[in-house]
């Protein structure tokens, strides 16, 4: 088992409308569990999207279909 080091701890500030990217190959059930935990935060962030894998491979048409628009 690995030791937890203070330098390994990161603070996340997830805000409404954020897109979170997790590595390809992550179990979808783990993503669902993560989303459930996010919903239990007080206050819970609204409109958070979790994308699995590199978002650079998503086409512009796919992004627009999901409601994402380039600025």
Protein backbone atom coordinates (compact mmCIF):
# COMPACT_ATOMS: atom_id res chain seq x y z
CA UNK A 1 0.00 0.00 0.00
CA UNK A 2 1.30 3.45 -0.91
CA UNK A 3 1.82 6.14 1.70
CA UNK A 4 -0.19 9.33 1.40
CA UNK A 5 2.05 12.36 1.06
CA UNK A 6 0.87 15.92 1.59
CA UNK A 7 2.17 16.84 -1.87
CA UNK A 8 -0.20 14.27 -3.39
CA UNK A 9 -3.31 16.00 -2.05
CA UNK A 10 -5.11 18.30 -4.47
CA UNK A 11 -8.03 20.59 -3.74
CA UNK A 12 -10.75 20.51 -6.34
CA UNK A 13 -13.12 23.40 -6.77
CA UNK A 14 -15.82 21.99 -8.99
CA UNK A 15 -18.20 24.70 -10.14
CA UNK A 16 -21.51 24.77 -11.96
CA UNK A 17 -21.12 23.87 -15.62
CA UNK A 18 -17.63 22.34 -15.33
CA UNK A 19 -16.50 19.57 -17.66
CA UNK A 20 -14.39 16.96 -15.86
CA UNK A 21 -12.23 14.62 -17.94
CA UNK A 22 -11.28 11.21 -16.58
CA UNK A 23 -8.84 8.82 -18.28
CA UNK A 24 -10.04 6.43 -20.95
CA UNK A 25 -10.71 2.98 -19.58
CA UNK A 26 -12.30 4.16 -16.33
CA UNK A 27 -15.15 1.88 -15.31
CA UNK A 28 -18.48 3.64 -16.09
CA UNK A 29 -19.82 2.41 -12.73
CA UNK A 30 -17.00 4.32 -11.01
CA UNK A 31 -17.99 7.46 -12.93
CA UNK A 32 -21.61 7.00 -11.85
CA UNK A 33 -20.49 6.62 -8.22
CA UNK A 34 -18.39 9.80 -8.59
CA UNK A 35 -21.38 11.71 -9.96
CA UNK A 36 -23.49 10.48 -7.05
CA UNK A 37 -20.92 11.83 -4.59
CA UNK A 38 -20.86 15.17 -6.43
CA UNK A 39 -24.64 15.35 -6.03
CA UNK A 40 -24.26 14.92 -2.28
CA UNK A 41 -22.01 17.98 -1.91
CA UNK A 42 -23.47 21.03 -0.23
CA UNK A 43 -24.02 22.97 -2.36
CA UNK A 44 -24.03 20.46 -5.20
CA UNK A 45 -22.53 21.79 -8.45
CA UNK A 46 -25.10 21.96 -11.24
CA UNK A 47 -24.62 20.92 -14.85
CA UNK A 48 -21.34 19.06 -14.33
CA UNK A 49 -20.34 16.82 -17.24
CA UNK A 50 -17.89 13.96 -16.92
CA UNK A 51 -16.16 12.97 -20.16
CA UNK A 52 -14.26 9.69 -20.35
CA UNK A 53 -11.07 9.82 -22.38
CA UNK A 54 -9.31 12.62 -24.18
CA UNK A 55 -11.78 15.32 -25.18
CA UNK A 56 -9.50 16.35 -28.04
CA UNK A 57 -10.86 13.37 -30.01
CA UNK A 58 -14.48 14.61 -29.81
CA UNK A 59 -15.62 16.18 -33.07
CA UNK A 60 -17.17 19.64 -33.21
CA UNK A 61 -20.50 18.08 -34.25
CA UNK A 62 -20.43 15.79 -31.20
CA UNK A 63 -19.63 18.73 -28.92
CA UNK A 64 -22.47 20.79 -30.35
CA UNK A 65 -24.87 17.85 -29.95
CA UNK A 66 -23.90 17.75 -26.26
CA UNK A 67 -24.48 21.51 -25.95
CA UNK A 68 -20.79 22.47 -25.87
CA UNK A 69 -19.77 25.45 -27.95
CA UNK A 70 -16.29 26.78 -28.59
CA UNK A 71 -15.66 30.32 -27.41
